[in-house]
């Protein structure tokens, strides 16, 4: 499970990124991604 879960999360993340990229402009998408990554890093999910 510990190996499968990250792969699923990455696939979902890429899908979400693509949808967000289509809905928003690149600038807004990058800012949103930066905020999410910072929040995840703060919780110790990544980094």
PDB file of N, CA and C in Angstrom:
ATOM      1  N   UNK A   1       0.834  -1.210   0.000  1.00  0.00           N
ATOM      2  CA  UNK A   1       0.000   0.000   0.000  1.00  0.00           C
ATOM      3  C   UNK A   1       0.861   1.249   0.000  1.00  0.00           C
ATOM      4  N   UNK A   2       1.925   1.218   0.773  1.00  0.00           N
ATOM      5  CA  UNK A   2       2.787   2.386   0.874  1.00  0.00           C
ATOM      6  C   UNK A   2       3.467   2.715  -0.453  1.00  0.00           C
ATOM      7  N   UNK A   3       3.535   1.726  -1.348  1.00  0.00           N
ATOM      8  CA  UNK A   3       4.122   1.992  -2.667  1.00  0.00           C
ATOM      9  C   UNK A   3       3.050   2.409  -3.668  1.00  0.00           C
ATOM     10  N   UNK A   4       1.846   1.838  -3.512  1.00  0.00           N
ATOM     11  CA  UNK A   4       0.784   2.115  -4.475  1.00  0.00           C
ATOM     12  C   UNK A   4       0.183   3.503  -4.239  1.00  0.00           C
ATOM     13  N   UNK A   5      -0.011   3.855  -2.980  1.00  0.00           N
ATOM     14  CA  UNK A   5      -0.664   5.126  -2.653  1.00  0.00           C
ATOM     15  C   UNK A   5       0.017   6.332  -3.311  1.00  0.00           C
ATOM     16  N   UNK A   6       1.353   6.486  -3.197  1.00  0.00           N
ATOM     17  CA  UNK A   6       1.994   7.645  -3.841  1.00  0.00           C
ATOM     18  C   UNK A   6       1.783   7.668  -5.352  1.00  0.00           C
ATOM     19  N   UNK A   7       1.777   6.498  -5.989  1.00  0.00           N
ATOM     20  CA  UNK A   7       1.567   6.445  -7.439  1.00  0.00           C
ATOM     21  C   UNK A   7       0.170   6.937  -7.779  1.00  0.00           C
ATOM     22  N   UNK A   8      -0.818   6.508  -6.992  1.00  0.00           N
ATOM     23  CA  UNK A   8      -2.197   6.955  -7.215  1.00  0.00           C
ATOM     24  C   UNK A   8      -2.299   8.458  -7.001  1.00  0.00           C
ATOM     25  N   UNK A   9      -1.641   8.950  -5.940  1.00  0.00           N
ATOM     26  CA  UNK A   9      -1.678  10.379  -5.651  1.00  0.00           C
ATOM     27  C   UNK A   9      -1.053  11.180  -6.788  1.00  0.00           C
ATOM     28  N   UNK A  10       0.057  10.669  -7.338  1.00  0.00           N
ATOM     29  CA  UNK A  10       0.724  11.366  -8.439  1.00  0.00           C
ATOM     30  C   UNK A  10      -0.187  11.410  -9.657  1.00  0.00           C
ATOM     31  N   UNK A  11      -0.843  10.298  -9.960  1.00  0.00           N
ATOM     32  CA  UNK A  11      -1.749  10.254 -11.115  1.00  0.00           C
ATOM     33  C   UNK A  11      -2.898  11.235 -10.913  1.00  0.00           C
ATOM     34  N   UNK A  12      -3.469  11.226  -9.712  1.00  0.00           N
ATOM     35  CA  UNK A  12      -4.572  12.140  -9.417  1.00  0.00           C
ATOM     36  C   UNK A  12      -4.088  13.582  -9.497  1.00  0.00           C
ATOM     37  N   UNK A  13      -2.871  13.820  -8.976  1.00  0.00           N
ATOM     38  CA  UNK A  13      -2.315  15.171  -8.965  1.00  0.00           C
ATOM     39  C   UNK A  13      -2.138  15.686 -10.384  1.00  0.00           C
ATOM     40  N   UNK A  14      -1.618  14.807 -11.294  1.00  0.00           N
ATOM     41  CA  UNK A  14      -1.414  15.215 -12.681  1.00  0.00           C
ATOM     42  C   UNK A  14      -2.752  15.534 -13.337  1.00  0.00           C
ATOM     43  N   UNK A  15      -3.774  14.739 -13.022  1.00  0.00           N
ATOM     44  CA  UNK A  15      -5.100  14.975 -13.587  1.00  0.00           C
ATOM     45  C   UNK A  15      -5.656  16.304 -13.079  1.00  0.00           C
ATOM     46  N   UNK A  16      -5.517  16.538 -11.774  1.00  0.00           N
ATOM     47  CA  UNK A  16      -6.005  17.792 -11.195  1.00  0.00           C
ATOM     48  C   UNK A  16      -5.254  18.968 -11.799  1.00  0.00           C
ATOM     49  N   UNK A  17      -3.932  18.813 -11.939  1.00  0.00           N
ATOM     50  CA  UNK A  17      -3.116  19.886 -12.523  1.00  0.00           C
ATOM     51  C   UNK A  17      -3.596  20.222 -13.932  1.00  0.00           C
ATOM     52  N   UNK A  18      -3.919  19.185 -14.706  1.00  0.00           N
ATOM     53  CA  UNK A  18      -4.350  19.396 -16.085  1.00  0.00           C
ATOM     54  C   UNK A  18      -5.679  20.132 -16.117  1.00  0.00           C
ATOM     55  N   UNK A  19      -6.612  19.704 -15.238  1.00  0.00           N
ATOM     56  CA  UNK A  19      -7.923  20.354 -15.189  1.00  0.00           C
ATOM     57  C   UNK A  19      -7.775  21.806 -14.750  1.00  0.00           C
ATOM     58  N   UNK A  20      -6.959  22.017 -13.713  1.00  0.00           N
ATOM     59  CA  UNK A  20      -6.753  23.380 -13.218  1.00  0.00           C
ATOM     60  C   UNK A  20      -6.100  24.236 -14.293  1.00  0.00           C
ATOM     61  N   UNK A  21      -5.149  23.653 -15.010  1.00  0.00           N
ATOM     62  CA  UNK A  21      -4.479  24.386 -16.079  1.00  0.00           C
ATOM     63  C   UNK A  21      -5.438  24.813 -17.172  1.00  0.00           C
ATOM     64  N   UNK A  22      -6.430  23.960 -17.448  1.00  0.00           N
ATOM     65  CA  UNK A  22      -7.416  24.292 -18.480  1.00  0.00           C
ATOM     66  C   UNK A  22      -8.364  25.374 -17.968  1.00  0.00           C
ATOM     67  N   UNK A  23      -8.767  25.249 -16.690  1.00  0.00           N
ATOM     68  CA  UNK A  23      -9.742  26.192 -16.145  1.00  0.00           C
ATOM     69  C   UNK A  23      -9.118  27.552 -15.899  1.00  0.00           C
ATOM     70  N   UNK A  24      -7.912  27.562 -15.349  1.00  0.00           N
ATOM     71  CA  UNK A  24      -7.263  28.816 -14.990  1.00  0.00           C
ATOM     72  C   UNK A  24      -6.105  29.129 -15.928  1.00  0.00           C
ATOM     73  N   UNK A  25      -5.613  30.348 -15.807  1.00  0.00           N
ATOM     74  CA  UNK A  25      -4.416  30.721 -16.546  1.00  0.00           C
ATOM     75  C   UNK A  25      -3.203  30.102 -15.864  1.00  0.00           C
ATOM     76  N   UNK A  26      -2.060  30.099 -16.552  1.00  0.00           N
ATOM     77  CA  UNK A  26      -0.861  29.487 -15.987  1.00  0.00           C
ATOM     78  C   UNK A  26      -0.437  30.150 -14.692  1.00  0.00           C
ATOM     79  N   UNK A  27      -0.556  31.488 -14.618  1.00  0.00           N
ATOM     80  CA  UNK A  27      -0.116  32.208 -13.432  1.00  0.00           C
ATOM     81  C   UNK A  27      -0.902  31.802 -12.195  1.00  0.00           C
ATOM     82  N   UNK A  28      -2.233  31.755 -12.334  1.00  0.00           N
ATOM     83  CA  UNK A  28      -3.076  31.389 -11.203  1.00  0.00           C
ATOM     84  C   UNK A  28      -2.789  29.948 -10.805  1.00  0.00           C
ATOM     85  N   UNK A  29      -2.629  29.077 -11.787  1.00  0.00           N
ATOM     86  CA  UNK A  29      -2.355  27.674 -11.507  1.00  0.00           C
ATOM     87  C   UNK A  29      -1.050  27.487 -10.759  1.00  0.00           C
ATOM     88  N   UNK A  30      -0.025  28.238 -11.172  1.00  0.00           N
ATOM     89  CA  UNK A  30       1.269  28.127 -10.496  1.00  0.00           C
ATOM     90  C   UNK A  30       1.170  28.609  -9.056  1.00  0.00           C
ATOM     91  N   UNK A  31       0.460  29.697  -8.840  1.00  0.00           N
ATOM     92  CA  UNK A  31       0.320  30.227  -7.485  1.00  0.00           C
ATOM     93  C   UNK A  31      -0.426  29.222  -6.612  1.00  0.00           C
ATOM     94  N   UNK A  32      -1.490  28.632  -7.164  1.00  0.00           N
ATOM     95  CA  UNK A  32      -2.283  27.649  -6.422  1.00  0.00           C
ATOM     96  C   UNK A  32      -1.415  26.453  -6.061  1.00  0.00           C
ATOM     97  N   UNK A  33      -0.627  25.999  -7.040  1.00  0.00           N
ATOM     98  CA  UNK A  33       0.230  24.832  -6.794  1.00  0.00           C
ATOM     99  C   UNK A  33       1.275  25.154  -5.721  1.00  0.00           C
ATOM    100  N   UNK A  34       1.817  26.376  -5.753  1.00  0.00           N
ATOM    101  CA  UNK A  34       2.830  26.764  -4.777  1.00  0.00           C
ATOM    102  C   UNK A  34       2.228  26.751  -3.367  1.00  0.00           C
ATOM    103  N   UNK A  35       1.009  27.268  -3.252  1.00  0.00           N
ATOM    104  CA  UNK A  35       0.344  27.304  -1.944  1.00  0.00           C
ATOM    105  C   UNK A  35       0.097  25.885  -1.442  1.00  0.00           C
ATOM    106  N   UNK A  36      -0.388  25.022  -2.327  1.00  0.00           N
ATOM    107  CA  UNK A  36      -0.681  23.641  -1.934  1.00  0.00           C
ATOM    108  C   UNK A  36       0.598  22.919  -1.534  1.00  0.00           C
ATOM    109  N   UNK A  37       1.654  23.086  -2.329  1.00  0.00           N
ATOM    110  CA  UNK A  37       2.914  22.419  -2.011  1.00  0.00           C
ATOM    111  C   UNK A  37       3.470  22.913  -0.680  1.00  0.00           C
ATOM    112  N   UNK A  38       3.334  24.218  -0.434  1.00  0.00           N
ATOM    113  CA  UNK A  38       3.840  24.774   0.831  1.00  0.00           C
ATOM    114  C   UNK A  38       3.041  24.195   1.997  1.00  0.00           C
ATOM    115  N   UNK A  39       1.730  24.069   1.801  1.00  0.00           N
ATOM    116  CA  UNK A  39       0.875  23.539   2.856  1.00  0.00           C
ATOM    117  C   UNK A  39       1.211  22.068   3.117  1.00  0.00           C
ATOM    118  N   UNK A  40       1.427  21.303   2.043  1.00  0.00           N
ATOM    119  CA  UNK A  40       1.759  19.886   2.193  1.00  0.00           C
ATOM    120  C   UNK A  40       3.112  19.733   2.878  1.00  0.00           C
ATOM    121  N   UNK A  41       4.073  20.572   2.489  1.00  0.00           N
ATOM    122  CA  UNK A  41       5.398  20.504   3.102  1.00  0.00           C
ATOM    123  C   UNK A  41       5.305  20.853   4.585  1.00  0.00           C
ATOM    124  N   UNK A  42       4.431  21.791   4.922  1.00  0.00           N
ATOM    125  CA  UNK A  42       4.255  22.177   6.317  1.00  0.00           C
ATOM    126  C   UNK A  42       3.708  21.029   7.152  1.00  0.00           C
ATOM    127  N   UNK A  43       2.865  20.188   6.517  1.00  0.00           N
ATOM    128  CA  UNK A  43       2.297  19.046   7.234  1.00  0.00           C
ATOM    129  C   UNK A  43       3.235  17.846   7.204  1.00  0.00           C
ATOM    130  N   UNK A  44       4.357  17.966   6.492  1.00  0.00           N
ATOM    131  CA  UNK A  44       5.324  16.880   6.467  1.00  0.00           C
ATOM    132  C   UNK A  44       4.977  15.804   5.445  1.00  0.00           C
ATOM    133  N   UNK A  45       4.040  16.103   4.535  1.00  0.00           N
ATOM    134  CA  UNK A  45       3.673  15.109   3.518  1.00  0.00           C
ATOM    135  C   UNK A  45       4.823  14.932   2.542  1.00  0.00           C
ATOM    136  N   UNK A  46       5.433  16.064   2.139  1.00  0.00           N
ATOM    137  CA  UNK A  46       6.586  16.003   1.244  1.00  0.00           C
ATOM    138  C   UNK A  46       7.715  16.816   1.844  1.00  0.00           C
ATOM    139  N   UNK A  47       8.927  16.554   1.380  1.00  0.00           N
ATOM    140  CA  UNK A  47      10.064  17.274   1.934  1.00  0.00           C
ATOM    141  C   UNK A  47      10.441  16.679   3.284  1.00  0.00           C
TER     142      UNK A  47
END
